[in-house]
Protein backbone atom coordinates (compact mmCIF):
# COMPACT_ATOMS: atom_id res chain seq x y z
CA MET A 1 -22.93 -7.99 -5.03
CA LEU A 2 -22.03 -4.07 -4.38
CA ARG A 3 -19.22 -2.70 -6.52
CA LEU A 4 -17.33 0.47 -5.35
CA ILE A 5 -15.23 2.24 -8.06
CA PHE A 6 -12.82 4.75 -6.47
CA THR A 7 -11.34 7.50 -8.41
CA ARG A 8 -9.22 10.64 -7.76
CA HIS A 9 -9.95 14.13 -9.12
CA GLY A 10 -8.34 15.61 -12.17
CA GLN A 11 -4.97 17.18 -11.78
CA THR A 12 -4.69 20.52 -10.41
CA LYS A 13 -2.30 23.32 -11.20
CA GLU A 14 -1.31 22.86 -7.53
CA ASN A 15 -0.67 19.20 -7.96
CA ALA A 16 1.76 20.03 -10.83
CA ASP A 17 3.55 22.67 -8.99
CA GLY A 18 3.95 20.64 -5.84
CA ILE A 19 1.78 22.78 -3.76
CA VAL A 20 0.10 21.22 -0.44
CA GLN A 21 -3.75 21.68 -1.01
CA GLY A 22 -5.51 19.94 1.88
CA HIS A 23 -9.16 20.96 1.84
CA HIS A 24 -8.56 24.08 -0.30
CA HIS A 25 -9.82 23.58 -3.64
CA GLY A 26 -7.10 23.74 -6.23
CA ASN A 27 -7.60 24.61 -9.86
CA ILE A 28 -8.12 21.81 -12.41
CA ASN A 29 -5.46 22.31 -15.06
CA ALA A 30 -5.67 21.36 -18.90
CA ARG A 31 -4.16 17.91 -18.13
CA GLY A 32 -6.68 17.24 -15.45
CA LEU A 33 -9.60 18.26 -17.78
CA GLY A 34 -8.26 15.85 -20.22
CA GLN A 35 -7.95 12.95 -17.48
CA ILE A 36 -11.59 13.65 -16.61
CA ASN A 37 -12.84 13.37 -20.18
CA SER A 38 -10.87 10.05 -20.57
CA LEU A 39 -12.37 8.80 -17.43
CA ILE A 40 -15.86 9.53 -18.46
CA GLU A 41 -15.30 7.55 -21.63
CA ARG A 42 -13.97 4.68 -19.47
CA LEU A 43 -17.12 4.90 -17.22
CA ARG A 44 -19.47 4.56 -20.09
CA LYS A 45 -18.55 0.75 -20.11
CA GLU A 46 -19.79 0.54 -16.52
CA LYS A 47 -23.38 0.59 -15.12
CA ILE A 48 -22.87 3.32 -12.42
CA ASP A 49 -25.98 3.85 -10.15
CA LYS A 50 -24.70 6.76 -8.23
CA VAL A 51 -21.69 9.00 -7.41
CA ILE A 52 -20.50 9.86 -4.00
CA SER A 53 -17.98 12.72 -3.93
CA SER A 54 -15.72 14.86 -1.60
CA ASP A 55 -17.17 18.21 -1.27
CA VAL A 56 -13.97 19.77 -1.87
CA ALA A 57 -14.12 21.97 -5.04
CA ARG A 58 -11.53 19.98 -7.11
CA CYS A 59 -13.52 16.90 -6.65
CA LYS A 60 -16.97 18.60 -7.19
CA VAL A 61 -15.50 20.16 -10.65
CA THR A 62 -14.60 16.34 -11.54
CA THR A 63 -17.89 14.94 -10.44
CA GLN A 64 -20.06 17.63 -11.96
CA LYS A 65 -18.60 16.70 -15.48
CA ILE A 66 -19.15 13.10 -14.75
CA VAL A 67 -22.66 13.46 -13.65
CA GLU A 68 -23.65 15.83 -16.33
CA GLU A 69 -22.37 13.46 -19.02
CA LEU A 70 -23.74 10.20 -17.52
CA LYS A 71 -26.79 11.71 -15.99
CA LEU A 72 -26.07 10.42 -12.55
CA PRO A 73 -27.24 11.21 -9.06
CA VAL A 74 -24.62 12.66 -6.63
CA GLU A 75 -24.16 12.90 -2.95
CA TYR A 76 -21.36 15.25 -1.55
CA THR A 77 -19.66 14.35 1.93
CA SER A 78 -16.96 15.79 4.00
CA LEU A 79 -15.87 12.35 5.20
CA ILE A 80 -13.74 11.62 2.05
CA ARG A 81 -12.04 14.85 2.03
CA GLU A 82 -8.27 15.09 1.45
CA LYS A 83 -5.85 15.13 4.62
CA GLU A 84 -5.89 18.66 5.98
CA ASP A 85 -2.55 20.23 6.42
CA GLY A 86 -3.53 23.24 8.13
CA GLU A 87 -1.03 25.96 7.99
CA PHE A 88 1.13 24.14 5.45
CA VAL A 89 -1.60 24.47 2.86
CA GLY A 90 -0.30 26.65 0.08
CA LYS A 91 3.34 25.88 0.71
CA LYS A 92 5.66 23.96 -1.68
CA SER A 93 5.62 20.25 -0.21
CA LEU A 94 9.31 20.16 -0.59
CA GLU A 95 9.74 23.02 1.66
CA VAL A 96 7.56 21.51 4.52
CA LYS A 97 9.65 20.04 7.37
CA TRP A 98 7.29 17.23 8.51
CA GLU A 99 10.28 15.68 10.53
CA ASP A 100 10.33 18.76 12.81
CA LEU A 101 6.70 18.11 14.02
CA ASP A 102 6.08 16.40 17.42
CA GLY A 103 5.11 12.62 17.13
CA ASN A 104 5.58 9.95 14.90
CA PHE A 105 4.90 9.32 11.19
CA GLU A 106 1.19 8.34 12.03
CA ASN A 107 0.29 10.92 14.58
CA ARG A 108 2.09 14.04 13.70
CA LYS A 109 0.11 16.92 12.17
CA ALA A 110 0.48 20.42 10.63
CA PRO A 111 -0.81 23.34 13.09
CA ASN A 112 -4.60 23.35 12.64
CA GLY A 113 -4.33 20.01 10.56
CA GLU A 114 -5.00 16.41 10.96
CA ASN A 115 -2.82 13.36 11.30
CA LEU A 116 -3.07 10.05 9.22
CA ILE A 117 -4.72 8.26 12.10
CA GLU A 118 -7.63 10.66 11.81
CA VAL A 119 -7.86 10.39 8.10
CA ARG A 120 -7.89 6.45 8.62
CA GLU A 121 -10.76 6.94 11.05
CA ARG A 122 -12.58 9.09 8.64
CA GLY A 123 -12.01 6.34 5.90
CA ARG A 124 -13.44 3.44 8.14
CA GLN A 125 -16.33 5.64 9.17
CA PHE A 126 -17.20 6.29 5.42
CA PHE A 127 -16.71 2.57 4.27
CA ASN A 128 -18.81 1.44 7.14
CA GLN A 129 -21.55 3.99 6.28
CA VAL A 130 -21.69 2.75 2.77
CA LEU A 131 -21.77 -0.93 3.79
CA ASP A 132 -24.76 -0.24 6.17
CA LYS A 133 -26.70 1.53 3.44
CA TYR A 134 -25.79 -0.46 0.26
CA SER A 135 -24.16 -3.90 1.01
CA LYS A 136 -27.26 -5.73 0.31
CA SER A 137 -27.77 -4.17 -3.11
CA ASP A 138 -26.45 -4.80 -6.38
CA LYS A 139 -25.43 -1.22 -7.14
CA THR A 140 -22.21 0.13 -8.54
CA ILE A 141 -21.25 3.33 -6.93
CA LEU A 142 -18.47 5.66 -8.04
CA ILE A 143 -16.49 7.56 -5.26
CA VAL A 144 -14.65 10.66 -6.19
CA SER A 145 -11.88 11.64 -3.49
CA HIS A 146 -8.33 12.47 -3.20
CA GLY A 147 -4.78 10.81 -3.34
CA ALA A 148 -3.80 10.48 0.20
CA PHE A 149 -7.03 9.74 1.66
CA LEU A 150 -7.60 7.04 -1.05
CA LYS A 151 -4.14 5.59 -0.18
CA VAL A 152 -5.13 5.58 3.35
CA LEU A 153 -8.65 3.81 2.88
CA ILE A 154 -7.43 1.29 0.37
CA GLY A 155 -4.27 0.48 2.29
CA ASP A 156 -6.38 0.08 5.43
CA LEU A 157 -8.64 -2.53 3.50
CA LEU A 158 -5.66 -4.29 2.42
CA GLY A 159 -4.15 -4.52 6.04
CA MET A 160 -1.17 -2.15 5.35
CA SER A 161 0.40 0.17 7.79
CA LEU A 162 -0.12 3.97 7.25
CA TYR A 163 3.48 4.29 6.13
CA ASP A 164 3.25 1.56 3.59
CA SER A 165 -0.30 2.70 2.39
CA ILE A 166 1.36 6.21 1.78
CA PHE A 167 4.65 5.22 0.17
CA LYS A 168 3.85 1.81 -1.48
CA LEU A 169 0.46 2.73 -2.96
CA PHE A 170 -0.08 5.03 -5.90
CA ILE A 171 -3.31 6.47 -7.03
CA GLU A 172 -3.10 8.43 -10.23
CA HIS A 173 -5.48 11.11 -10.97
CA CYS A 174 -8.71 9.85 -12.56
CA SER A 175 -7.51 6.10 -12.29
CA MET A 176 -9.99 3.47 -11.24
CA THR A 177 -9.94 0.98 -8.35
CA GLU A 178 -12.60 -1.39 -7.68
CA ILE A 179 -13.61 -3.07 -4.48
CA GLU A 180 -16.39 -5.77 -4.57
CA ILE A 181 -18.44 -6.40 -1.68
CA ASN A 182 -19.79 -9.94 -1.45
CA GLU A 183 -20.79 -12.14 1.43
CA LYS A 184 -19.27 -15.13 -0.20
CA ILE A 185 -15.87 -13.47 0.02
CA LYS A 186 -13.96 -13.59 3.31
CA PRO A 187 -13.63 -10.88 4.95
CA GLY A 188 -16.64 -9.79 2.95
CA TYR A 189 -14.76 -7.64 0.18
CA ARG A 190 -11.88 -7.84 -2.20
CA ILE A 191 -10.09 -5.48 -4.49
CA ASN A 192 -10.60 -6.40 -8.10
CA PHE A 193 -8.06 -3.80 -9.61
CA LEU A 194 -6.08 -1.06 -8.29
CA ASN A 195 -5.09 2.12 -10.05
CA GLU A 196 -6.36 1.15 -13.50
CA ASN A 197 -5.11 3.93 -15.80
CA ASN A 198 -4.53 2.48 -19.31
CA TYR A 199 -7.32 4.72 -20.84
CA LEU A 200 -5.43 8.03 -19.62
CA ASN A 201 -3.47 9.85 -22.18
């Protein structure tokens, strides 16, 4: 049985200020550092074999603290980066006029950005790569990524639309979501828990 534990990076100053970040790194704030420390203590209860992390700096900061404390190997990938919002990055999210963009909710995108369909395709590619490499193992892998990306990936696994994934799921910073990969389960995986956060202050 393969276990995948998904978490979101610690809160950044930009998160707290409502700034669109996309692939830009963001700056982990004091609350975010506290969340990371709480997550590390929670992870001590798990037998983590490896960490796979987004290569965006706010995830790398989170991941480095985890792997240094827990002495784990780490792999970085661009596949699980946050949704890229192009020319909207750096702007207040409340000031962005998404409804003025061409297309519908799923396929509209900021100039030089990507849409939710493209994010979903990255998520599917990543999940399939992990299955191809690890599905026959008994490993537990921690995956460190971003809020919107994780909503899309997890929502897709649950059979949710992109709209419902974004607006009906919530992934808190440094929370944990576990997916079990098991051939005895149809369709081969199940979500054991979603957005566990009781260990966070």
